[in-house]
Amino acid sequence: MTALSKANQHLKYFGEQLVPMIGYCQPEILKLTDESVEIKIPLNKETKNHLQSMYFGALAVGADAAGGFLAISKSEQMGKKISLAFKAVKAEFLARPESDVVFVCNDGKLIDKMLSETMETGERVNQPVRITALCPSLHDDKPMAEFELTLSVKAVGN
């Protein structure tokens, strides 16, 4: 089993068992590296609005999944448990996403620093992470939306 298929199994389990709204939107990890993650949410009956574009709630789910999954997967690679939440959200909706949306977070190095800090101090660490929503099939890499989510992590049981 490849690392990517394992990651997708983990995301599916997380969405089915822990945060059903994520599971409802059917995210799929397309790319996962030390520095970035790309997660696709399909535009379908469950995720679109009355304008036939992706509903802003589904966009928020995609941003949450992209920002959170990178932190969770990195902590698991370290063999450590973390408590993760988002404390603030800023979003700018730039164009209507009228096809599948890919959420990109390139803040892996920042997340590494956050995890190191919480493992060392045991304190909660908060930092904004950026997620860009794209519709590559229609608009290449032109952003449809940009998110800044304040990621909050704390080491648990260390």
N, C-alpha and C. Protein backbone atom coordinates (compact mmCIF):
# COMPACT_ATOMS: atom_id res chain seq x y z
N MET A 1 0.84 -1.18 0.00
CA MET A 1 0.00 0.00 0.00
C MET A 1 0.89 1.25 0.00
N THR A 2 0.60 2.17 -0.88
CA THR A 2 1.41 3.39 -0.97
C THR A 2 1.10 4.33 0.19
N ALA A 3 2.01 5.26 0.42
CA ALA A 3 1.81 6.25 1.48
C ALA A 3 0.57 7.10 1.20
N LEU A 4 0.32 7.40 -0.07
CA LEU A 4 -0.84 8.21 -0.43
C LEU A 4 -2.14 7.45 -0.18
N SER A 5 -2.20 6.19 -0.53
CA SER A 5 -3.43 5.42 -0.27
C SER A 5 -3.65 5.24 1.23
N LYS A 6 -2.56 5.09 2.00
CA LYS A 6 -2.68 5.01 3.46
C LYS A 6 -3.24 6.32 4.02
N ALA A 7 -2.73 7.44 3.51
CA ALA A 7 -3.20 8.75 3.96
C ALA A 7 -4.68 8.91 3.63
N ASN A 8 -5.10 8.47 2.46
CA ASN A 8 -6.51 8.57 2.09
C ASN A 8 -7.39 7.68 2.97
N GLN A 9 -6.88 6.51 3.33
CA GLN A 9 -7.63 5.65 4.27
C GLN A 9 -7.80 6.35 5.61
N HIS A 10 -6.74 6.98 6.06
CA HIS A 10 -6.78 7.69 7.34
C HIS A 10 -7.78 8.85 7.27
N LEU A 11 -7.75 9.61 6.19
CA LEU A 11 -8.69 10.73 6.02
C LEU A 11 -10.12 10.22 5.95
N LYS A 12 -10.34 9.12 5.26
CA LYS A 12 -11.68 8.55 5.16
C LYS A 12 -12.19 8.12 6.54
N TYR A 13 -11.34 7.44 7.30
CA TYR A 13 -11.70 7.02 8.66
C TYR A 13 -12.03 8.25 9.52
N PHE A 14 -11.18 9.26 9.45
CA PHE A 14 -11.38 10.49 10.22
C PHE A 14 -12.73 11.11 9.87
N GLY A 15 -13.04 11.16 8.57
CA GLY A 15 -14.29 11.75 8.12
C GLY A 15 -15.52 10.92 8.48
N GLU A 16 -15.37 9.62 8.51
CA GLU A 16 -16.52 8.76 8.84
C GLU A 16 -16.75 8.67 10.34
N GLN A 17 -15.67 8.61 11.12
CA GLN A 17 -15.79 8.32 12.54
C GLN A 17 -15.70 9.53 13.46
N LEU A 18 -14.93 10.55 13.06
CA LEU A 18 -14.67 11.65 13.99
C LEU A 18 -15.31 12.97 13.58
N VAL A 19 -15.29 13.28 12.30
CA VAL A 19 -15.89 14.53 11.81
C VAL A 19 -16.71 14.20 10.56
N PRO A 20 -17.95 13.75 10.76
CA PRO A 20 -18.76 13.30 9.62
C PRO A 20 -18.95 14.32 8.51
N MET A 21 -18.90 15.61 8.83
CA MET A 21 -19.04 16.62 7.77
C MET A 21 -17.92 16.50 6.75
N ILE A 22 -16.71 16.19 7.23
CA ILE A 22 -15.60 15.98 6.30
C ILE A 22 -15.91 14.78 5.42
N GLY A 23 -16.36 13.70 6.01
CA GLY A 23 -16.70 12.51 5.22
C GLY A 23 -17.79 12.79 4.21
N TYR A 24 -18.76 13.59 4.57
CA TYR A 24 -19.88 13.93 3.68
C TYR A 24 -19.39 14.60 2.40
N CYS A 25 -18.33 15.38 2.51
CA CYS A 25 -17.80 16.10 1.33
C CYS A 25 -16.86 15.24 0.48
N GLN A 26 -16.53 14.05 0.92
CA GLN A 26 -15.75 13.06 0.17
C GLN A 26 -14.38 13.57 -0.31
N PRO A 27 -13.55 14.09 0.60
CA PRO A 27 -12.23 14.58 0.17
C PRO A 27 -11.31 13.44 -0.24
N GLU A 28 -10.37 13.78 -1.12
CA GLU A 28 -9.35 12.83 -1.56
C GLU A 28 -8.01 13.55 -1.57
N ILE A 29 -7.02 12.94 -0.95
CA ILE A 29 -5.67 13.52 -0.96
C ILE A 29 -5.03 13.18 -2.30
N LEU A 30 -4.61 14.21 -3.02
CA LEU A 30 -3.96 14.03 -4.31
C LEU A 30 -2.44 14.01 -4.17
N LYS A 31 -1.93 14.77 -3.20
CA LYS A 31 -0.48 14.90 -3.02
C LYS A 31 -0.22 15.16 -1.54
N LEU A 32 0.82 14.51 -1.02
CA LEU A 32 1.21 14.71 0.37
C LEU A 32 2.73 14.63 0.44
N THR A 33 3.37 15.74 0.81
CA THR A 33 4.83 15.79 0.98
C THR A 33 5.11 16.41 2.35
N ASP A 34 6.39 16.54 2.67
CA ASP A 34 6.75 17.19 3.93
C ASP A 34 6.35 18.66 3.95
N GLU A 35 6.28 19.27 2.77
CA GLU A 35 5.98 20.70 2.70
C GLU A 35 4.54 21.02 2.35
N SER A 36 3.81 20.07 1.73
CA SER A 36 2.49 20.45 1.24
C SER A 36 1.52 19.28 1.18
N VAL A 37 0.26 19.67 1.06
CA VAL A 37 -0.81 18.70 0.84
C VAL A 37 -1.77 19.31 -0.17
N GLU A 38 -2.34 18.46 -1.01
CA GLU A 38 -3.39 18.85 -1.95
C GLU A 38 -4.55 17.89 -1.76
N ILE A 39 -5.71 18.46 -1.47
CA ILE A 39 -6.91 17.66 -1.21
C ILE A 39 -8.01 18.13 -2.14
N LYS A 40 -8.64 17.18 -2.82
CA LYS A 40 -9.72 17.50 -3.75
C LYS A 40 -11.07 17.19 -3.13
N ILE A 41 -12.00 18.12 -3.30
CA ILE A 41 -13.40 17.87 -2.96
C ILE A 41 -14.18 17.95 -4.27
N PRO A 42 -14.94 16.91 -4.59
CA PRO A 42 -15.68 16.93 -5.85
C PRO A 42 -16.88 17.89 -5.79
N LEU A 43 -17.14 18.51 -6.91
CA LEU A 43 -18.37 19.29 -7.03
C LEU A 43 -19.46 18.30 -7.41
N ASN A 44 -20.40 18.11 -6.52
CA ASN A 44 -21.49 17.17 -6.77
C ASN A 44 -22.74 17.67 -6.04
N LYS A 45 -23.76 16.88 -6.07
CA LYS A 45 -25.04 17.26 -5.46
C LYS A 45 -24.87 17.69 -4.00
N GLU A 46 -24.00 17.01 -3.27
CA GLU A 46 -23.82 17.29 -1.85
C GLU A 46 -23.03 18.56 -1.58
N THR A 47 -22.18 18.98 -2.52
CA THR A 47 -21.26 20.09 -2.24
C THR A 47 -21.59 21.38 -3.00
N LYS A 48 -22.57 21.33 -3.89
CA LYS A 48 -22.83 22.56 -4.64
C LYS A 48 -24.02 23.33 -4.11
N ASN A 49 -24.06 24.60 -4.48
CA ASN A 49 -25.13 25.50 -4.05
C ASN A 49 -26.14 25.71 -5.18
N HIS A 50 -27.04 26.63 -4.97
CA HIS A 50 -28.09 26.91 -5.94
C HIS A 50 -27.56 27.57 -7.21
N LEU A 51 -26.30 28.05 -7.19
CA LEU A 51 -25.68 28.66 -8.37
C LEU A 51 -24.84 27.64 -9.16
N GLN A 52 -24.90 26.39 -8.73
CA GLN A 52 -24.16 25.29 -9.36
C GLN A 52 -22.64 25.41 -9.17
N SER A 53 -22.23 26.15 -8.13
CA SER A 53 -20.81 26.22 -7.78
C SER A 53 -20.66 25.63 -6.37
N MET A 54 -19.42 25.47 -5.92
CA MET A 54 -19.22 24.85 -4.62
C MET A 54 -19.72 25.76 -3.51
N TYR A 55 -20.54 25.19 -2.63
CA TYR A 55 -21.10 25.87 -1.47
C TYR A 55 -19.97 26.29 -0.54
N PHE A 56 -20.09 27.47 0.06
CA PHE A 56 -18.99 27.97 0.90
C PHE A 56 -18.72 27.06 2.10
N GLY A 57 -19.72 26.34 2.58
CA GLY A 57 -19.50 25.39 3.67
C GLY A 57 -18.59 24.25 3.24
N ALA A 58 -18.76 23.76 2.02
CA ALA A 58 -17.89 22.71 1.49
C ALA A 58 -16.47 23.26 1.28
N LEU A 59 -16.38 24.53 0.87
CA LEU A 59 -15.06 25.15 0.73
C LEU A 59 -14.36 25.23 2.09
N ALA A 60 -15.10 25.55 3.13
CA ALA A 60 -14.52 25.62 4.47
C ALA A 60 -14.05 24.23 4.92
N VAL A 61 -14.82 23.20 4.60
CA VAL A 61 -14.42 21.83 4.94
C VAL A 61 -13.10 21.48 4.25
N GLY A 62 -12.96 21.85 2.98
CA GLY A 62 -11.73 21.57 2.25
C GLY A 62 -10.53 22.28 2.84
N ALA A 63 -10.72 23.54 3.23
CA ALA A 63 -9.63 24.30 3.84
C ALA A 63 -9.25 23.66 5.18
N ASP A 64 -10.23 23.29 5.97
CA ASP A 64 -10.01 22.62 7.26
C ASP A 64 -9.23 21.32 7.06
N ALA A 65 -9.66 20.52 6.11
CA ALA A 65 -9.01 19.23 5.88
C ALA A 65 -7.55 19.42 5.44
N ALA A 66 -7.31 20.38 4.56
CA ALA A 66 -5.95 20.60 4.07
C ALA A 66 -5.03 21.11 5.19
N GLY A 67 -5.49 22.09 5.94
CA GLY A 67 -4.66 22.63 7.02
C GLY A 67 -4.46 21.65 8.15
N GLY A 68 -5.49 20.92 8.49
CA GLY A 68 -5.42 19.99 9.61
C GLY A 68 -4.71 18.69 9.31
N PHE A 69 -4.91 18.15 8.10
CA PHE A 69 -4.33 16.84 7.80
C PHE A 69 -2.81 16.89 7.80
N LEU A 70 -2.25 17.98 7.31
CA LEU A 70 -0.79 18.09 7.28
C LEU A 70 -0.23 18.01 8.71
N ALA A 71 -0.86 18.70 9.64
CA ALA A 71 -0.39 18.68 11.04
C ALA A 71 -0.58 17.30 11.66
N ILE A 72 -1.72 16.68 11.42
CA ILE A 72 -1.97 15.35 11.99
C ILE A 72 -0.98 14.33 11.44
N SER A 73 -0.76 14.34 10.13
CA SER A 73 0.14 13.33 9.56
C SER A 73 1.57 13.53 10.04
N LYS A 74 1.99 14.79 10.20
CA LYS A 74 3.34 15.04 10.69
C LYS A 74 3.50 14.59 12.15
N SER A 75 2.50 14.83 12.97
CA SER A 75 2.60 14.41 14.37
C SER A 75 2.63 12.88 14.46
N GLU A 76 1.86 12.21 13.62
CA GLU A 76 1.87 10.74 13.62
C GLU A 76 3.22 10.20 13.15
N GLN A 77 3.84 10.86 12.18
CA GLN A 77 5.19 10.44 11.74
C GLN A 77 6.19 10.56 12.88
N MET A 78 5.97 11.53 13.76
CA MET A 78 6.85 11.74 14.92
C MET A 78 6.52 10.76 16.05
N GLY A 79 5.40 10.05 15.92
CA GLY A 79 4.97 9.16 16.99
C GLY A 79 4.40 9.90 18.17
N LYS A 80 3.89 11.10 17.93
CA LYS A 80 3.35 11.94 18.99
C LYS A 80 1.88 12.22 18.74
N LYS A 81 1.14 12.46 19.83
CA LYS A 81 -0.26 12.84 19.72
C LYS A 81 -0.40 14.33 19.97
N ILE A 82 -1.33 14.93 19.23
CA ILE A 82 -1.59 16.35 19.42
C ILE A 82 -3.09 16.58 19.53
N SER A 83 -3.42 17.67 20.17
CA SER A 83 -4.77 18.21 20.15
C SER A 83 -4.74 19.31 19.11
N LEU A 84 -5.66 19.26 18.15
CA LEU A 84 -5.66 20.21 17.05
C LEU A 84 -7.01 20.88 16.95
N ALA A 85 -6.99 22.18 16.71
CA ALA A 85 -8.22 22.94 16.48
C ALA A 85 -7.87 24.14 15.62
N PHE A 86 -8.90 24.78 15.12
CA PHE A 86 -8.71 26.05 14.43
C PHE A 86 -9.36 27.13 15.28
N LYS A 87 -8.61 28.21 15.51
CA LYS A 87 -9.08 29.27 16.41
C LYS A 87 -9.66 30.46 15.67
N ALA A 88 -9.30 30.63 14.41
CA ALA A 88 -9.80 31.77 13.64
C ALA A 88 -9.78 31.41 12.17
N VAL A 89 -10.67 32.05 11.42
CA VAL A 89 -10.77 31.81 9.98
C VAL A 89 -10.93 33.15 9.27
N LYS A 90 -10.12 33.34 8.25
CA LYS A 90 -10.30 34.45 7.32
C LYS A 90 -10.42 33.82 5.95
N ALA A 91 -11.38 34.29 5.17
CA ALA A 91 -11.56 33.74 3.83
C ALA A 91 -11.89 34.84 2.85
N GLU A 92 -11.35 34.69 1.66
CA GLU A 92 -11.70 35.59 0.58
C GLU A 92 -12.12 34.73 -0.60
N PHE A 93 -13.36 34.94 -1.03
CA PHE A 93 -13.91 34.19 -2.15
C PHE A 93 -13.73 35.03 -3.40
N LEU A 94 -12.95 34.53 -4.35
CA LEU A 94 -12.51 35.32 -5.49
C LEU A 94 -13.28 35.04 -6.78
N ALA A 95 -13.72 33.79 -6.95
CA ALA A 95 -14.46 33.40 -8.15
C ALA A 95 -15.30 32.18 -7.81
N ARG A 96 -16.34 31.95 -8.60
CA ARG A 96 -17.18 30.78 -8.33
C ARG A 96 -16.49 29.50 -8.79
N PRO A 97 -16.28 28.57 -7.87
CA PRO A 97 -15.68 27.28 -8.24
C PRO A 97 -16.75 26.36 -8.83
N GLU A 98 -16.73 26.22 -10.13
CA GLU A 98 -17.79 25.49 -10.84
C GLU A 98 -17.35 24.11 -11.30
N SER A 99 -16.35 23.55 -10.63
CA SER A 99 -15.92 22.17 -10.85
C SER A 99 -15.25 21.69 -9.57
N ASP A 100 -14.68 20.49 -9.61
CA ASP A 100 -13.98 19.97 -8.44
C ASP A 100 -12.95 20.98 -7.96
N VAL A 101 -12.78 21.07 -6.64
CA VAL A 101 -11.88 22.06 -6.05
C VAL A 101 -10.72 21.33 -5.37
N VAL A 102 -9.51 21.84 -5.63
CA VAL A 102 -8.30 21.32 -4.99
C VAL A 102 -7.81 22.37 -3.99
N PHE A 103 -7.62 21.92 -2.75
CA PHE A 103 -7.18 22.78 -1.66
C PHE A 103 -5.70 22.51 -1.42
N VAL A 104 -4.90 23.56 -1.47
CA VAL A 104 -3.45 23.43 -1.37
C VAL A 104 -2.96 24.17 -0.13
N CYS A 105 -2.20 23.46 0.69
CA CYS A 105 -1.53 24.07 1.83
C CYS A 105 -0.05 23.76 1.71
N ASN A 106 0.77 24.81 1.65
CA ASN A 106 2.22 24.67 1.50
C ASN A 106 2.98 25.06 2.77
N ASP A 107 2.34 24.96 3.92
CA ASP A 107 2.94 25.43 5.17
C ASP A 107 3.55 24.32 6.01
N GLY A 108 4.08 23.29 5.37
CA GLY A 108 4.67 22.17 6.10
C GLY A 108 5.80 22.58 7.03
N LYS A 109 6.67 23.49 6.59
CA LYS A 109 7.80 23.92 7.43
C LYS A 109 7.31 24.68 8.66
N LEU A 110 6.31 25.52 8.48
CA LEU A 110 5.72 26.24 9.62
C LEU A 110 5.11 25.25 10.62
N ILE A 111 4.40 24.26 10.10
CA ILE A 111 3.77 23.25 10.96
C ILE A 111 4.84 22.45 11.71
N ASP A 112 5.97 22.15 11.03
CA ASP A 112 7.08 21.47 11.71
C ASP A 112 7.54 22.28 12.92
N LYS A 113 7.71 23.60 12.73
CA LYS A 113 8.15 24.47 13.83
C LYS A 113 7.12 24.48 14.97
N MET A 114 5.84 24.53 14.60
CA MET A 114 4.79 24.53 15.61
C MET A 114 4.83 23.24 16.43
N LEU A 115 4.97 22.11 15.74
CA LEU A 115 4.99 20.82 16.43
C LEU A 115 6.22 20.71 17.33
N SER A 116 7.37 21.15 16.84
CA SER A 116 8.58 21.12 17.67
C SER A 116 8.39 21.95 18.93
N GLU A 117 7.81 23.13 18.76
CA GLU A 117 7.61 24.02 19.91
C GLU A 117 6.67 23.41 20.95
N THR A 118 5.54 22.86 20.50
CA THR A 118 4.61 22.28 21.47
C THR A 118 5.19 21.03 22.12
N MET A 119 5.99 20.25 21.39
CA MET A 119 6.61 19.06 21.99
C MET A 119 7.63 19.47 23.05
N GLU A 120 8.36 20.56 22.80
CA GLU A 120 9.35 21.04 23.76
C GLU A 120 8.72 21.66 25.00
N THR A 121 7.69 22.48 24.79
CA THR A 121 7.14 23.28 25.89
C THR A 121 5.90 22.68 26.54
N GLY A 122 5.18 21.85 25.79
CA GLY A 122 3.90 21.35 26.29
C GLY A 122 2.78 22.37 26.19
N GLU A 123 3.11 23.55 25.67
CA GLU A 123 2.14 24.63 25.55
C GLU A 123 1.44 24.58 24.19
N ARG A 124 0.25 25.19 24.14
CA ARG A 124 -0.49 25.32 22.89
C ARG A 124 0.22 26.35 22.01
N VAL A 125 0.32 26.05 20.72
CA VAL A 125 0.97 26.94 19.76
C VAL A 125 -0.05 27.28 18.68
N ASN A 126 -0.19 28.57 18.38
CA ASN A 126 -1.15 29.06 17.39
C ASN A 126 -0.42 29.82 16.29
N GLN A 127 -0.69 29.46 15.06
CA GLN A 127 -0.11 30.16 13.91
C GLN A 127 -1.09 30.10 12.74
N PRO A 128 -1.16 31.16 11.94
CA PRO A 128 -2.01 31.10 10.75
C PRO A 128 -1.36 30.26 9.65
N VAL A 129 -2.16 29.40 9.04
CA VAL A 129 -1.74 28.64 7.86
C VAL A 129 -2.61 29.08 6.69
N ARG A 130 -2.02 29.04 5.51
CA ARG A 130 -2.72 29.49 4.31
C ARG A 130 -3.12 28.30 3.44
N ILE A 131 -4.34 28.38 2.94
CA ILE A 131 -4.86 27.35 2.04
C ILE A 131 -5.47 28.06 0.84
N THR A 132 -5.13 27.59 -0.34
CA THR A 132 -5.66 28.15 -1.58
C THR A 132 -6.57 27.12 -2.23
N ALA A 133 -7.75 27.57 -2.65
CA ALA A 133 -8.70 26.70 -3.35
C ALA A 133 -8.60 26.97 -4.85
N LEU A 134 -8.40 25.91 -5.61
CA LEU A 134 -8.22 26.01 -7.07
C LEU A 134 -9.23 25.12 -7.79
N CYS A 135 -9.56 25.49 -9.02
CA CYS A 135 -10.33 24.63 -9.94
C CYS A 135 -9.46 24.36 -11.15
N PRO A 136 -8.49 23.45 -11.03
CA PRO A 136 -7.52 23.27 -12.11
C PRO A 136 -8.14 22.87 -13.45
N SER A 137 -9.25 22.15 -13.43
CA SER A 137 -9.84 21.70 -14.70
C SER A 137 -10.43 22.86 -15.50
N LEU A 138 -10.75 23.96 -14.84
CA LEU A 138 -11.33 25.11 -15.54
C LEU A 138 -10.40 26.33 -15.58
N HIS A 139 -9.62 26.52 -14.52
CA HIS A 139 -8.87 27.78 -14.38
C HIS A 139 -7.40 27.58 -14.01
N ASP A 140 -6.84 26.42 -14.30
CA ASP A 140 -5.44 26.13 -13.98
C ASP A 140 -5.14 26.46 -12.51
N ASP A 141 -4.21 27.40 -12.27
CA ASP A 141 -3.87 27.71 -10.87
C ASP A 141 -4.34 29.09 -10.44
N LYS A 142 -5.42 29.57 -11.05
CA LYS A 142 -6.05 30.81 -10.61
C LYS A 142 -6.86 30.51 -9.34
N PRO A 143 -6.59 31.22 -8.23
CA PRO A 143 -7.31 30.94 -6.98
C PRO A 143 -8.81 31.26 -7.09
N MET A 144 -9.60 30.36 -6.56
CA MET A 144 -11.05 30.57 -6.43
C MET A 144 -11.35 31.17 -5.06
N ALA A 145 -10.54 30.78 -4.07
CA ALA A 145 -10.69 31.29 -2.71
C ALA A 145 -9.34 31.15 -2.01
N GLU A 146 -9.14 32.02 -1.03
CA GLU A 146 -7.94 31.94 -0.21
C GLU A 146 -8.36 31.98 1.25
N PHE A 147 -7.79 31.09 2.03
CA PHE A 147 -8.12 30.95 3.44
C PHE A 147 -6.88 31.17 4.29
N GLU A 148 -7.09 31.76 5.44
CA GLU A 148 -6.08 31.83 6.48
C GLU A 148 -6.75 31.29 7.74
N LEU A 149 -6.31 30.13 8.18
CA LEU A 149 -6.86 29.49 9.36
C LEU A 149 -5.81 29.50 10.45
N THR A 150 -6.18 29.95 11.64
CA THR A 150 -5.23 29.91 12.74
C THR A 150 -5.25 28.51 13.32
N LEU A 151 -4.20 27.78 13.01
CA LEU A 151 -4.03 26.41 13.49
C LEU A 151 -3.53 26.46 14.92
N SER A 152 -4.14 25.66 15.77
CA SER A 152 -3.79 25.59 17.18
C SER A 152 -3.45 24.14 17.52
N VAL A 153 -2.22 23.90 17.94
CA VAL A 153 -1.78 22.53 18.27
C VAL A 153 -1.20 22.50 19.68
N LYS A 154 -1.41 21.37 20.34
CA LYS A 154 -0.82 21.15 21.66
C LYS A 154 -0.46 19.68 21.78
N ALA A 155 0.74 19.42 22.27
CA ALA A 155 1.17 18.06 22.53
C ALA A 155 0.29 17.45 23.61
N VAL A 156 -0.06 16.19 23.43
CA VAL A 156 -0.92 15.49 24.38
C VAL A 156 -0.16 14.28 24.92
N GLY A 157 -0.11 14.15 26.25
CA GLY A 157 0.47 12.97 26.87
C GLY A 157 1.95 12.80 26.68
N ASN A 158 2.67 13.90 26.50
CA ASN A 158 4.12 13.77 26.34
C ASN A 158 4.84 14.09 27.62
